[in-house]
Amino acid sequence: MCWEKKPKRKKEKTMSVSYEKVVEIVRLKQVVCDSTLEIQKITSSFGIAQWLMDEIGNETQEVLMLLCLNTKNEVNSLSVVHRGTINQSIAHPRDIFQRAILSNATRICIAHNHPSGDLLNIVS
């Protein structure tokens, strides 16, 4: 009986990263993101609406945004959770809460735009 010899596979190098290193990387990423974000204090829901209309009001697709606030109602981070189609945007709560936790948010605000401009559009 003839046995075929299997070719030797090269052992792939794997990189293990400690939990502390992951936390450090996330914090560095947050510092970089925060340094480019103008600190803005939120004083009312009307203020948030006005600010976000400037950010996503003219988009041609639905955009779901997440604002993460600290205890002083200052914006920690502003991120696009999902870019949808012309009339819908879908996101999983896990994606929203993960971003909020990573940015050390004490409060969050979730908002989306209406590309059609129709604020009373009811989904049937």
N, C-alpha and C. Protein backbone atom coordinates (compact mmCIF):
# COMPACT_ATOMS: atom_id res chain seq x y z
N MET A 1 0.84 -1.16 0.00
CA MET A 1 0.00 0.00 0.00
C MET A 1 0.89 1.23 0.00
N CYS A 2 0.51 2.19 -0.79
CA CYS A 2 1.31 3.40 -0.93
C CYS A 2 0.63 4.55 -0.20
N TRP A 3 1.37 5.17 0.68
CA TRP A 3 0.84 6.32 1.41
C TRP A 3 1.35 7.59 0.80
N GLU A 4 0.40 8.48 0.55
CA GLU A 4 0.83 9.77 0.01
C GLU A 4 1.28 10.64 1.16
N LYS A 5 2.34 11.32 0.90
CA LYS A 5 2.84 12.23 1.92
C LYS A 5 2.16 13.57 1.75
N LYS A 6 1.55 14.05 2.81
CA LYS A 6 0.89 15.35 2.75
C LYS A 6 1.94 16.44 2.79
N PRO A 7 1.72 17.48 1.99
CA PRO A 7 2.68 18.58 2.04
C PRO A 7 2.63 19.27 3.41
N LYS A 8 3.78 19.68 3.88
CA LYS A 8 3.83 20.36 5.17
C LYS A 8 3.24 21.75 5.03
N ARG A 9 2.41 22.07 5.98
CA ARG A 9 1.85 23.42 6.01
C ARG A 9 2.73 24.29 6.89
N LYS A 10 2.89 25.49 6.42
CA LYS A 10 3.63 26.44 7.24
C LYS A 10 2.75 26.86 8.41
N LYS A 11 3.36 26.91 9.55
CA LYS A 11 2.61 27.34 10.72
C LYS A 11 2.35 28.83 10.61
N GLU A 12 1.06 29.18 10.66
CA GLU A 12 0.71 30.59 10.56
C GLU A 12 1.01 31.28 11.87
N LYS A 13 1.55 32.46 11.75
CA LYS A 13 1.83 33.23 12.95
C LYS A 13 0.54 33.89 13.40
N THR A 14 0.23 33.69 14.64
CA THR A 14 -0.95 34.35 15.20
C THR A 14 -0.49 35.38 16.22
N MET A 15 -1.24 36.42 16.26
CA MET A 15 -0.89 37.49 17.18
C MET A 15 -1.94 37.54 18.28
N SER A 16 -1.50 37.44 19.49
CA SER A 16 -2.44 37.56 20.60
C SER A 16 -2.30 38.95 21.19
N VAL A 17 -3.44 39.52 21.48
CA VAL A 17 -3.46 40.87 22.02
C VAL A 17 -4.17 40.82 23.37
N SER A 18 -3.57 41.43 24.35
CA SER A 18 -4.16 41.43 25.69
C SER A 18 -5.34 42.40 25.75
N TYR A 19 -6.18 42.19 26.74
CA TYR A 19 -7.33 43.06 26.95
C TYR A 19 -6.88 44.50 27.17
N GLU A 20 -5.82 44.66 27.94
CA GLU A 20 -5.30 46.00 28.23
C GLU A 20 -4.87 46.71 26.95
N LYS A 21 -4.26 45.96 26.03
CA LYS A 21 -3.81 46.55 24.76
C LYS A 21 -5.02 46.98 23.92
N VAL A 22 -6.07 46.17 23.92
CA VAL A 22 -7.29 46.52 23.18
C VAL A 22 -7.89 47.80 23.75
N VAL A 23 -7.96 47.89 25.07
CA VAL A 23 -8.50 49.09 25.71
C VAL A 23 -7.66 50.31 25.35
N GLU A 24 -6.33 50.14 25.35
CA GLU A 24 -5.44 51.25 24.99
C GLU A 24 -5.66 51.70 23.55
N ILE A 25 -5.83 50.74 22.64
CA ILE A 25 -6.07 51.07 21.23
C ILE A 25 -7.39 51.82 21.07
N VAL A 26 -8.43 51.34 21.76
CA VAL A 26 -9.73 52.01 21.68
C VAL A 26 -9.64 53.43 22.22
N ARG A 27 -8.93 53.61 23.33
CA ARG A 27 -8.78 54.95 23.90
C ARG A 27 -8.00 55.87 22.97
N LEU A 28 -6.95 55.36 22.34
CA LEU A 28 -6.20 56.17 21.38
C LEU A 28 -7.07 56.58 20.20
N LYS A 29 -7.87 55.63 19.73
CA LYS A 29 -8.78 55.94 18.63
C LYS A 29 -9.76 57.03 19.05
N GLN A 30 -10.25 56.93 20.27
CA GLN A 30 -11.19 57.93 20.78
C GLN A 30 -10.53 59.29 20.87
N VAL A 31 -9.28 59.34 21.32
CA VAL A 31 -8.56 60.61 21.43
C VAL A 31 -8.40 61.24 20.05
N VAL A 32 -8.05 60.43 19.06
CA VAL A 32 -7.90 60.95 17.69
C VAL A 32 -9.23 61.47 17.18
N CYS A 33 -10.30 60.71 17.38
CA CYS A 33 -11.62 61.14 16.92
C CYS A 33 -12.06 62.40 17.66
N ASP A 34 -11.84 62.42 18.98
CA ASP A 34 -12.26 63.57 19.77
C ASP A 34 -11.49 64.83 19.41
N SER A 35 -10.23 64.68 19.01
CA SER A 35 -9.44 65.86 18.68
C SER A 35 -9.93 66.53 17.40
N THR A 36 -10.61 65.77 16.54
CA THR A 36 -11.14 66.36 15.31
C THR A 36 -12.58 66.83 15.48
N LEU A 37 -13.20 66.50 16.61
CA LEU A 37 -14.60 66.87 16.85
C LEU A 37 -14.64 68.12 17.71
N GLU A 38 -15.30 69.12 17.19
CA GLU A 38 -15.45 70.36 17.96
C GLU A 38 -16.37 70.08 19.14
N ILE A 39 -15.87 70.36 20.34
CA ILE A 39 -16.68 70.11 21.54
C ILE A 39 -17.88 71.04 21.52
N GLN A 40 -19.03 70.44 21.59
CA GLN A 40 -20.26 71.21 21.57
C GLN A 40 -21.13 70.75 22.72
N LYS A 41 -21.61 71.68 23.50
CA LYS A 41 -22.48 71.34 24.62
C LYS A 41 -23.92 71.37 24.13
N ILE A 42 -24.65 70.32 24.45
CA ILE A 42 -26.05 70.21 24.05
C ILE A 42 -26.91 70.75 25.19
N THR A 43 -27.77 71.71 24.87
CA THR A 43 -28.61 72.30 25.90
C THR A 43 -30.09 71.98 25.71
N SER A 44 -30.48 71.50 24.53
CA SER A 44 -31.89 71.18 24.29
C SER A 44 -32.02 70.24 23.10
N SER A 45 -33.17 69.60 23.00
CA SER A 45 -33.42 68.73 21.84
C SER A 45 -33.51 69.57 20.57
N PHE A 46 -33.97 70.80 20.69
CA PHE A 46 -34.03 71.70 19.54
C PHE A 46 -32.61 72.00 19.04
N GLY A 47 -31.69 72.18 19.97
CA GLY A 47 -30.29 72.43 19.59
C GLY A 47 -29.69 71.25 18.85
N ILE A 48 -30.01 70.03 19.31
CA ILE A 48 -29.53 68.83 18.63
C ILE A 48 -30.11 68.77 17.22
N ALA A 49 -31.41 69.03 17.11
CA ALA A 49 -32.07 68.98 15.79
C ALA A 49 -31.44 69.97 14.82
N GLN A 50 -31.19 71.19 15.27
CA GLN A 50 -30.58 72.20 14.40
C GLN A 50 -29.18 71.78 13.97
N TRP A 51 -28.41 71.27 14.91
CA TRP A 51 -27.04 70.86 14.62
C TRP A 51 -27.01 69.71 13.63
N LEU A 52 -27.90 68.71 13.84
CA LEU A 52 -27.92 67.56 12.94
C LEU A 52 -28.50 67.89 11.57
N MET A 53 -29.39 68.86 11.50
CA MET A 53 -29.89 69.28 10.18
C MET A 53 -28.75 69.82 9.34
N ASP A 54 -27.81 70.51 9.98
CA ASP A 54 -26.63 70.98 9.26
C ASP A 54 -25.75 69.82 8.82
N GLU A 55 -25.67 68.78 9.66
CA GLU A 55 -24.79 67.64 9.37
C GLU A 55 -25.37 66.72 8.29
N ILE A 56 -26.64 66.33 8.41
CA ILE A 56 -27.20 65.31 7.52
C ILE A 56 -28.47 65.75 6.80
N GLY A 57 -28.86 66.99 6.94
CA GLY A 57 -30.11 67.46 6.36
C GLY A 57 -30.19 67.38 4.85
N ASN A 58 -29.07 67.50 4.16
CA ASN A 58 -29.09 67.50 2.69
C ASN A 58 -28.64 66.18 2.08
N GLU A 59 -28.54 65.13 2.88
CA GLU A 59 -28.14 63.82 2.36
C GLU A 59 -29.24 63.26 1.45
N THR A 60 -28.84 62.49 0.45
CA THR A 60 -29.80 61.89 -0.48
C THR A 60 -30.23 60.50 -0.03
N GLN A 61 -29.58 59.98 1.00
CA GLN A 61 -29.93 58.70 1.58
C GLN A 61 -30.29 58.93 3.05
N GLU A 62 -31.07 57.99 3.62
CA GLU A 62 -31.31 58.08 5.06
C GLU A 62 -30.01 57.77 5.78
N VAL A 63 -29.71 58.57 6.77
CA VAL A 63 -28.50 58.40 7.57
C VAL A 63 -28.92 58.33 9.03
N LEU A 64 -28.50 57.27 9.71
CA LEU A 64 -28.79 57.11 11.13
C LEU A 64 -27.54 57.52 11.90
N MET A 65 -27.68 58.55 12.73
CA MET A 65 -26.55 59.11 13.47
C MET A 65 -26.68 58.80 14.95
N LEU A 66 -25.53 58.71 15.60
CA LEU A 66 -25.48 58.51 17.04
C LEU A 66 -24.61 59.59 17.65
N LEU A 67 -25.18 60.33 18.59
CA LEU A 67 -24.41 61.29 19.37
C LEU A 67 -24.20 60.69 20.75
N CYS A 68 -22.96 60.63 21.19
CA CYS A 68 -22.64 60.14 22.53
C CYS A 68 -22.24 61.34 23.37
N LEU A 69 -22.91 61.50 24.50
CA LEU A 69 -22.68 62.66 25.36
C LEU A 69 -22.05 62.23 26.68
N ASN A 70 -21.29 63.16 27.28
CA ASN A 70 -20.73 62.90 28.60
C ASN A 70 -21.66 63.48 29.67
N THR A 71 -21.23 63.50 30.90
CA THR A 71 -22.08 63.97 32.00
C THR A 71 -22.38 65.46 31.93
N LYS A 72 -21.56 66.21 31.18
CA LYS A 72 -21.79 67.65 31.03
C LYS A 72 -22.58 67.97 29.76
N ASN A 73 -23.14 66.94 29.13
CA ASN A 73 -23.87 67.07 27.86
C ASN A 73 -23.00 67.59 26.73
N GLU A 74 -21.71 67.31 26.80
CA GLU A 74 -20.80 67.63 25.70
C GLU A 74 -20.71 66.41 24.80
N VAL A 75 -20.57 66.62 23.51
CA VAL A 75 -20.53 65.52 22.56
C VAL A 75 -19.17 64.82 22.66
N ASN A 76 -19.19 63.55 23.06
CA ASN A 76 -17.98 62.71 23.07
C ASN A 76 -17.65 62.24 21.67
N SER A 77 -18.68 61.78 20.98
CA SER A 77 -18.48 61.28 19.62
C SER A 77 -19.75 61.42 18.81
N LEU A 78 -19.56 61.53 17.54
CA LEU A 78 -20.65 61.63 16.58
C LEU A 78 -20.32 60.62 15.50
N SER A 79 -21.20 59.66 15.28
CA SER A 79 -20.89 58.64 14.28
C SER A 79 -22.11 58.27 13.45
N VAL A 80 -21.83 57.85 12.23
CA VAL A 80 -22.86 57.34 11.34
C VAL A 80 -23.00 55.85 11.66
N VAL A 81 -24.16 55.46 12.15
CA VAL A 81 -24.41 54.06 12.47
C VAL A 81 -24.74 53.29 11.20
N HIS A 82 -25.52 53.92 10.32
CA HIS A 82 -25.90 53.25 9.07
C HIS A 82 -26.30 54.26 8.01
N ARG A 83 -25.90 53.99 6.79
CA ARG A 83 -26.38 54.74 5.62
C ARG A 83 -27.35 53.82 4.90
N GLY A 84 -28.57 54.28 4.78
CA GLY A 84 -29.60 53.45 4.19
C GLY A 84 -29.89 53.79 2.74
N THR A 85 -31.13 53.54 2.36
CA THR A 85 -31.58 53.84 1.01
C THR A 85 -32.27 55.20 1.03
N ILE A 86 -33.00 55.48 -0.01
CA ILE A 86 -33.69 56.77 -0.08
C ILE A 86 -34.82 56.88 0.94
N ASN A 87 -35.34 55.71 1.40
CA ASN A 87 -36.47 55.80 2.33
C ASN A 87 -36.38 54.90 3.56
N GLN A 88 -35.21 54.31 3.82
CA GLN A 88 -35.10 53.51 5.04
C GLN A 88 -33.66 53.36 5.48
N SER A 89 -33.51 53.15 6.77
CA SER A 89 -32.20 52.90 7.37
C SER A 89 -32.41 51.88 8.48
N ILE A 90 -31.58 50.86 8.50
CA ILE A 90 -31.74 49.77 9.46
C ILE A 90 -30.46 49.65 10.28
N ALA A 91 -30.62 49.51 11.58
CA ALA A 91 -29.46 49.30 12.45
C ALA A 91 -29.85 48.37 13.58
N HIS A 92 -28.89 47.63 14.06
CA HIS A 92 -29.12 46.74 15.19
C HIS A 92 -28.77 47.49 16.48
N PRO A 93 -29.58 47.33 17.52
CA PRO A 93 -29.28 48.01 18.79
C PRO A 93 -27.87 47.71 19.30
N ARG A 94 -27.36 46.51 19.02
CA ARG A 94 -26.01 46.14 19.45
C ARG A 94 -24.97 47.12 18.92
N ASP A 95 -25.11 47.54 17.64
CA ASP A 95 -24.16 48.47 17.04
C ASP A 95 -24.20 49.83 17.74
N ILE A 96 -25.39 50.24 18.11
CA ILE A 96 -25.56 51.53 18.78
C ILE A 96 -24.96 51.50 20.18
N PHE A 97 -25.32 50.47 20.96
CA PHE A 97 -24.83 50.40 22.33
C PHE A 97 -23.33 50.14 22.40
N GLN A 98 -22.81 49.39 21.46
CA GLN A 98 -21.36 49.14 21.43
C GLN A 98 -20.60 50.45 21.27
N ARG A 99 -21.04 51.28 20.35
CA ARG A 99 -20.38 52.58 20.14
C ARG A 99 -20.52 53.47 21.37
N ALA A 100 -21.69 53.44 21.99
CA ALA A 100 -21.92 54.26 23.18
C ALA A 100 -21.01 53.83 24.33
N ILE A 101 -20.88 52.54 24.52
CA ILE A 101 -20.03 52.03 25.60
C ILE A 101 -18.56 52.36 25.33
N LEU A 102 -18.11 52.17 24.09
CA LEU A 102 -16.71 52.44 23.76
C LEU A 102 -16.35 53.92 23.89
N SER A 103 -17.33 54.80 23.76
CA SER A 103 -17.03 56.23 23.89
C SER A 103 -17.32 56.74 25.31
N ASN A 104 -17.61 55.83 26.23
CA ASN A 104 -17.89 56.19 27.63
C ASN A 104 -19.05 57.18 27.75
N ALA A 105 -20.08 56.98 26.95
CA ALA A 105 -21.23 57.89 26.96
C ALA A 105 -22.08 57.67 28.20
N THR A 106 -22.57 58.76 28.76
CA THR A 106 -23.55 58.66 29.84
C THR A 106 -24.95 58.92 29.30
N ARG A 107 -25.02 59.51 28.12
CA ARG A 107 -26.29 59.76 27.43
C ARG A 107 -26.06 59.57 25.94
N ILE A 108 -27.12 59.17 25.25
CA ILE A 108 -27.02 59.06 23.79
C ILE A 108 -28.22 59.73 23.14
N CYS A 109 -28.02 60.11 21.91
CA CYS A 109 -29.10 60.66 21.09
C CYS A 109 -29.00 59.98 19.73
N ILE A 110 -30.09 59.41 19.28
CA ILE A 110 -30.14 58.74 17.98
C ILE A 110 -31.03 59.57 17.07
N ALA A 111 -30.55 59.83 15.87
CA ALA A 111 -31.32 60.67 14.94
C ALA A 111 -31.14 60.17 13.52
N HIS A 112 -32.12 60.48 12.68
CA HIS A 112 -31.98 60.17 11.26
C HIS A 112 -32.67 61.25 10.45
N ASN A 113 -32.33 61.31 9.20
CA ASN A 113 -32.90 62.34 8.33
C ASN A 113 -34.01 61.75 7.46
N HIS A 114 -34.74 62.62 6.78
CA HIS A 114 -35.75 62.23 5.80
C HIS A 114 -35.36 62.90 4.48
N PRO A 115 -34.71 62.16 3.57
CA PRO A 115 -34.28 62.76 2.30
C PRO A 115 -35.43 63.37 1.51
N SER A 116 -36.64 62.81 1.66
CA SER A 116 -37.80 63.34 0.93
C SER A 116 -38.24 64.68 1.49
N GLY A 117 -37.85 64.98 2.72
CA GLY A 117 -38.29 66.20 3.37
C GLY A 117 -39.63 66.05 4.05
N ASP A 118 -40.30 64.91 3.85
CA ASP A 118 -41.61 64.66 4.44
C ASP A 118 -41.43 64.09 5.84
N LEU A 119 -41.71 64.90 6.85
CA LEU A 119 -41.52 64.47 8.22
C LEU A 119 -42.65 63.59 8.73
N LEU A 120 -43.77 63.58 8.04
CA LEU A 120 -44.92 62.80 8.48
C LEU A 120 -45.13 61.55 7.64
N ASN A 121 -44.08 61.07 7.00
CA ASN A 121 -44.17 59.88 6.17
C ASN A 121 -44.38 58.66 7.06
N ILE A 122 -45.50 57.97 6.89
CA ILE A 122 -45.82 56.81 7.71
C ILE A 122 -45.57 55.56 6.89
N VAL A 123 -44.80 54.63 7.46
CA VAL A 123 -44.50 53.38 6.78
C VAL A 123 -45.71 52.48 6.86
N SER A 124 -46.11 51.92 5.72
CA SER A 124 -47.27 51.03 5.73
C SER A 124 -46.86 49.59 5.60
